[in-house]
Amino acid sequence: MRPLTRTLSPTRRVVVAMIAAGTLVVPGCATSTSTETPTPTSVPTTAAVTVPAGPVEGTAPGTALDFGDTAVLPADAFDATGPRAMFTVTGITPAEGVPDDISDGGTPYFLYVTVTSLTRRPTAAPSVIGLSGSPDGRAPTLTRAPVPGLTDCPDTAPPERMRRGESYSTCLISVADAGERVEQVIYWADTTSDVSLDYQRAPVSWALPGASAAPSTSGAG
C-alpha cells in the first residue's frame, strides 16, 4: 500500500493508518440509549451486479441508499481521485460466534457487501476500507476484517486482480458499544481535502428500505 504523504493532517493520518491495519476505533462518537439485545436476522450475503454501459457517475457524499443499492466510490480509499468501483451493501445483521477478543465487550454485527470492478484492464481488487456499521448513518463503529471459523462471515480473500464487471462478496465485523443498535452502513473514508470527496463529513449511507435518510453533515463525534 502506498505511503500516505499527501494532504493528510496528523489526525487524519492516524485514522487512516488504523483503517489500514484492519481495525477502526472511533472514540467520542454517538452513543446509544438502547439496552435491547439485537436478534440475528437473515440478510442477503451477495448481490448480482451488472455494470451499465458507458461511463459510471460517482456517488456524491451524503447520498442515502437502501440496502441492495449500489454506490460508485473510490476503489482505493487512499486514492480518492483514482479508479472507482461499485459497492453494493446488502445488509447488516447481529453476529453470532464472534470471539470475545474480537468483540471486546461490544455488540458484533456482520456487514455484507459485494464489490464490482470498473477498470477496463486487470488491476488490484477494490478495497472495502472506509465501510463501517453505524448507529445513526453518520458515526462509524469499530470495524474489523473477518476472522477464521465464522460460518456466517467467512474469511475469504478477494481476487488479486479484477477487471470491469468482475465482482467479489465479502463480510466485515462491525463492533458497536454494548447495548447499541446498528442498523445502517456507511462509507466514510477521510483521505482527501477535496470537499467533493469528503465522505467523512457526509458519509454515503445504506439502511432498510424506507428508513434511509440523508445523514447530518455536521461531522461525527
Protein backbone atom coordinates (compact mmCIF):
# COMPACT_ATOMS: atom_id res chain seq x y z
CA MET A 1 0.00 0.00 0.00
CA ARG A 2 1.43 3.39 -0.96
CA PRO A 3 2.71 5.73 1.78
CA LEU A 4 0.33 8.49 2.83
CA THR A 5 2.33 11.63 2.15
CA ARG A 6 -0.34 13.82 0.60
CA THR A 7 -2.51 16.48 2.26
CA LEU A 8 -3.50 14.46 5.31
CA SER A 9 -3.37 16.19 8.68
CA PRO A 10 -1.69 14.30 11.57
CA THR A 11 -5.14 13.33 12.90
CA ARG A 12 -6.23 12.01 9.52
CA ARG A 13 -3.01 10.03 9.17
CA VAL A 14 -3.73 8.25 12.46
CA VAL A 15 -7.29 7.38 11.43
CA VAL A 16 -6.20 6.12 8.01
CA ALA A 17 -3.39 4.02 9.50
CA MET A 18 -5.85 2.36 11.86
CA ILE A 19 -8.17 1.55 8.96
CA ALA A 20 -5.29 0.04 7.01
CA ALA A 21 -4.41 -2.17 9.96
CA GLY A 22 -7.86 -3.77 9.76
CA THR A 23 -9.26 -2.11 12.90
CA LEU A 24 -11.01 1.22 13.17
CA VAL A 25 -11.63 2.76 16.58
CA VAL A 26 -13.70 5.91 16.78
CA PRO A 27 -13.74 7.33 20.31
CA GLY A 28 -16.12 10.04 21.39
CA CYS A 29 -18.81 9.42 18.76
CA ALA A 30 -22.53 8.93 19.17
CA THR A 31 -23.68 6.53 21.86
CA SER A 32 -26.99 4.73 22.10
CA THR A 33 -29.54 4.69 24.89
CA SER A 34 -30.96 1.34 23.75
CA THR A 35 -30.50 -1.61 26.10
CA GLU A 36 -32.19 -4.17 23.87
CA THR A 37 -30.20 -7.17 22.68
CA PRO A 38 -30.27 -7.34 18.86
CA THR A 39 -31.63 -10.53 17.35
CA PRO A 40 -29.86 -12.09 14.33
CA THR A 41 -31.81 -11.80 11.10
CA SER A 42 -31.29 -13.20 7.65
CA VAL A 43 -29.96 -10.78 5.05
CA PRO A 44 -28.53 -11.43 1.57
CA THR A 45 -24.80 -12.01 1.70
CA THR A 46 -24.18 -11.44 -2.02
CA ALA A 47 -25.65 -9.45 -4.89
CA ALA A 48 -25.72 -9.92 -8.65
CA VAL A 49 -24.34 -6.66 -10.05
CA THR A 50 -24.44 -5.59 -13.69
CA VAL A 51 -22.19 -2.76 -14.84
CA PRO A 52 -24.04 -0.34 -17.11
CA ALA A 53 -22.60 0.51 -20.50
CA GLY A 54 -20.58 3.69 -20.77
CA PRO A 55 -19.23 5.95 -18.03
CA VAL A 56 -20.50 5.42 -14.48
CA GLU A 57 -21.05 8.52 -12.37
CA GLY A 58 -19.61 8.59 -8.85
CA THR A 59 -21.87 8.73 -5.79
CA ALA A 60 -21.80 12.08 -4.01
CA PRO A 61 -21.08 12.43 -0.28
CA GLY A 62 -24.26 12.45 1.80
CA THR A 63 -26.21 10.13 -0.52
CA ALA A 64 -28.75 7.94 1.31
CA LEU A 65 -29.38 4.47 -0.15
CA ASP A 66 -31.37 1.36 0.65
CA PHE A 67 -29.76 -1.99 1.33
CA GLY A 68 -29.26 -3.65 -2.04
CA ASP A 69 -28.48 -0.34 -3.75
CA THR A 70 -25.09 0.34 -5.32
CA ALA A 71 -22.73 3.25 -4.71
CA VAL A 72 -19.84 4.18 -7.02
CA LEU A 73 -16.89 5.07 -4.78
CA PRO A 74 -13.08 5.15 -4.85
CA ALA A 75 -11.70 1.67 -5.47
CA ASP A 76 -8.92 2.58 -3.05
CA ALA A 77 -9.76 4.91 -0.15
CA PHE A 78 -6.13 6.06 -0.20
CA ASP A 79 -6.51 7.25 -3.81
CA ALA A 80 -9.77 9.18 -3.68
CA THR A 81 -9.35 10.65 -7.17
CA GLY A 82 -8.25 7.37 -8.77
CA PRO A 83 -10.27 4.46 -10.23
CA ARG A 84 -13.74 3.82 -8.90
CA ALA A 85 -15.67 0.66 -8.11
CA MET A 86 -19.26 -0.31 -7.36
CA PHE A 87 -20.16 -1.18 -3.76
CA THR A 88 -23.47 -2.96 -3.16
CA VAL A 89 -24.24 -3.26 0.55
CA THR A 90 -26.83 -6.00 1.03
CA GLY A 91 -27.32 -5.63 4.76
CA ILE A 92 -26.05 -5.76 8.33
CA THR A 93 -27.17 -8.23 10.96
CA PRO A 94 -26.32 -9.07 14.58
CA ALA A 95 -23.49 -11.61 14.63
CA GLU A 96 -23.12 -14.92 16.41
CA GLY A 97 -19.98 -16.82 17.33
CA VAL A 98 -17.60 -13.84 17.29
CA PRO A 99 -14.70 -14.45 19.71
CA ASP A 100 -14.55 -12.24 22.79
CA ASP A 101 -11.15 -10.89 21.81
CA ILE A 102 -12.75 -9.52 18.62
CA SER A 103 -15.99 -8.15 20.11
CA ASP A 104 -14.07 -6.85 23.18
CA GLY A 105 -17.22 -6.37 25.26
CA GLY A 106 -19.19 -4.74 22.44
CA THR A 107 -22.03 -5.98 20.26
CA PRO A 108 -20.80 -7.53 16.97
CA TYR A 109 -22.60 -7.30 13.64
CA PHE A 110 -21.87 -8.83 10.24
CA LEU A 111 -21.81 -6.35 7.35
CA TYR A 112 -22.17 -7.77 3.82
CA VAL A 113 -21.01 -6.07 0.62
CA THR A 114 -20.44 -7.05 -2.99
CA VAL A 115 -17.65 -5.14 -4.74
CA THR A 116 -17.51 -4.77 -8.54
CA SER A 117 -14.56 -3.51 -10.55
CA LEU A 118 -14.94 -0.74 -13.13
CA THR A 119 -11.42 -0.81 -14.60
CA ARG A 120 -11.01 -1.88 -18.23
CA ARG A 121 -7.68 -3.58 -17.57
CA PRO A 122 -6.95 -6.06 -14.75
CA THR A 123 -5.92 -4.11 -11.64
CA ALA A 124 -5.74 -4.73 -7.91
CA ALA A 125 -9.10 -5.66 -6.44
CA PRO A 126 -11.04 -2.72 -4.96
CA SER A 127 -10.75 -2.40 -1.20
CA VAL A 128 -13.56 -2.25 1.37
CA ILE A 129 -11.61 0.15 3.59
CA GLY A 130 -13.93 3.01 4.54
CA LEU A 131 -17.06 0.89 5.08
CA SER A 132 -18.47 0.58 8.58
CA GLY A 133 -21.62 -0.13 10.52
CA SER A 134 -23.26 2.94 12.03
CA PRO A 135 -25.92 3.62 14.67
CA ASP A 136 -27.09 6.82 13.01
CA GLY A 137 -25.84 6.95 9.39
CA ARG A 138 -23.06 9.31 10.40
CA ALA A 139 -20.78 7.87 13.11
CA PRO A 140 -18.74 4.73 12.33
CA THR A 141 -18.28 1.80 14.66
CA LEU A 142 -15.09 -0.12 15.28
CA THR A 143 -14.78 -2.32 12.18
CA ARG A 144 -12.67 -5.45 11.74
CA ALA A 145 -11.82 -7.84 8.96
CA PRO A 146 -13.38 -11.33 9.26
CA VAL A 147 -11.56 -13.99 11.28
CA PRO A 148 -11.31 -17.72 10.54
CA GLY A 149 -14.05 -20.03 11.79
CA LEU A 150 -17.13 -17.81 11.38
CA THR A 151 -19.66 -19.70 9.25
CA ASP A 152 -21.77 -16.62 8.53
CA CYS A 153 -18.79 -14.34 7.88
CA PRO A 154 -16.17 -16.37 6.01
CA ASP A 155 -12.60 -15.17 5.93
CA THR A 156 -12.25 -15.09 2.15
CA ALA A 157 -9.58 -13.10 0.34
CA PRO A 158 -10.61 -11.01 -2.70
CA PRO A 159 -9.06 -11.82 -6.09
CA GLU A 160 -5.61 -10.38 -6.60
CA ARG A 161 -6.68 -8.63 -9.81
CA MET A 162 -10.06 -7.75 -11.30
CA ARG A 163 -11.43 -6.08 -14.40
CA ARG A 164 -14.68 -4.32 -15.33
CA GLY A 165 -17.76 -6.36 -14.40
CA GLU A 166 -15.99 -8.83 -12.10
CA SER A 167 -17.24 -8.96 -8.50
CA TYR A 168 -16.43 -10.44 -5.14
CA SER A 169 -18.58 -10.58 -1.99
CA THR A 170 -17.21 -10.23 1.50
CA CYS A 171 -18.14 -9.64 5.11
CA LEU A 172 -16.83 -7.27 7.77
CA ILE A 173 -17.32 -7.37 11.54
CA SER A 174 -18.78 -4.16 12.94
CA VAL A 175 -18.50 -3.89 16.73
CA ALA A 176 -20.86 -1.47 18.45
CA ASP A 177 -20.79 -0.32 22.06
CA ALA A 178 -22.65 -2.71 24.37
CA GLY A 179 -26.41 -2.18 24.03
CA GLU A 180 -26.03 -0.06 20.89
CA ARG A 181 -28.21 -0.99 17.91
CA VAL A 182 -26.57 -0.75 14.49
CA GLU A 183 -28.91 -0.87 11.51
CA GLN A 184 -27.06 1.24 8.93
CA VAL A 185 -23.84 1.00 6.95
CA ILE A 186 -21.75 3.98 5.89
CA TYR A 187 -18.80 4.80 3.65
CA TRP A 188 -16.88 7.50 5.48
CA ALA A 189 -13.28 7.43 4.20
CA ASP A 190 -11.37 10.59 5.11
CA THR A 191 -8.25 10.63 2.93
CA THR A 192 -8.55 13.81 0.88
CA SER A 193 -9.01 17.54 1.36
CA ASP A 194 -11.30 17.67 -1.71
CA VAL A 195 -14.74 18.72 -0.39
CA SER A 196 -16.49 16.90 -3.25
CA LEU A 197 -14.92 13.65 -1.97
CA ASP A 198 -15.20 14.35 1.77
CA TYR A 199 -17.15 11.26 2.82
CA GLN A 200 -16.09 11.71 6.44
CA ARG A 201 -18.05 14.95 6.67
CA ALA A 202 -21.05 13.49 4.82
CA PRO A 203 -20.98 9.67 4.57
CA VAL A 204 -22.81 7.65 1.98
CA SER A 205 -25.31 5.57 3.99
CA TRP A 206 -27.32 2.39 3.47
CA ALA A 207 -30.39 1.43 5.51
CA LEU A 208 -33.52 -0.70 5.29
CA PRO A 209 -35.89 0.45 2.53
CA GLY A 210 -37.96 3.35 3.78
CA ALA A 211 -35.59 4.01 6.68
CA SER A 212 -32.78 5.76 4.83
CA ALA A 213 -32.32 9.45 5.38
CA ALA A 214 -29.60 11.88 4.42
CA PRO A 215 -27.07 11.93 7.28
CA SER A 216 -26.08 15.09 9.06
CA THR A 217 -23.07 16.93 7.61
CA SER A 218 -22.01 18.47 10.89
CA GLY A 219 -19.29 15.86 11.44
CA ALA A 220 -19.02 12.79 13.63
CA GLY A 221 -18.19 12.71 17.31
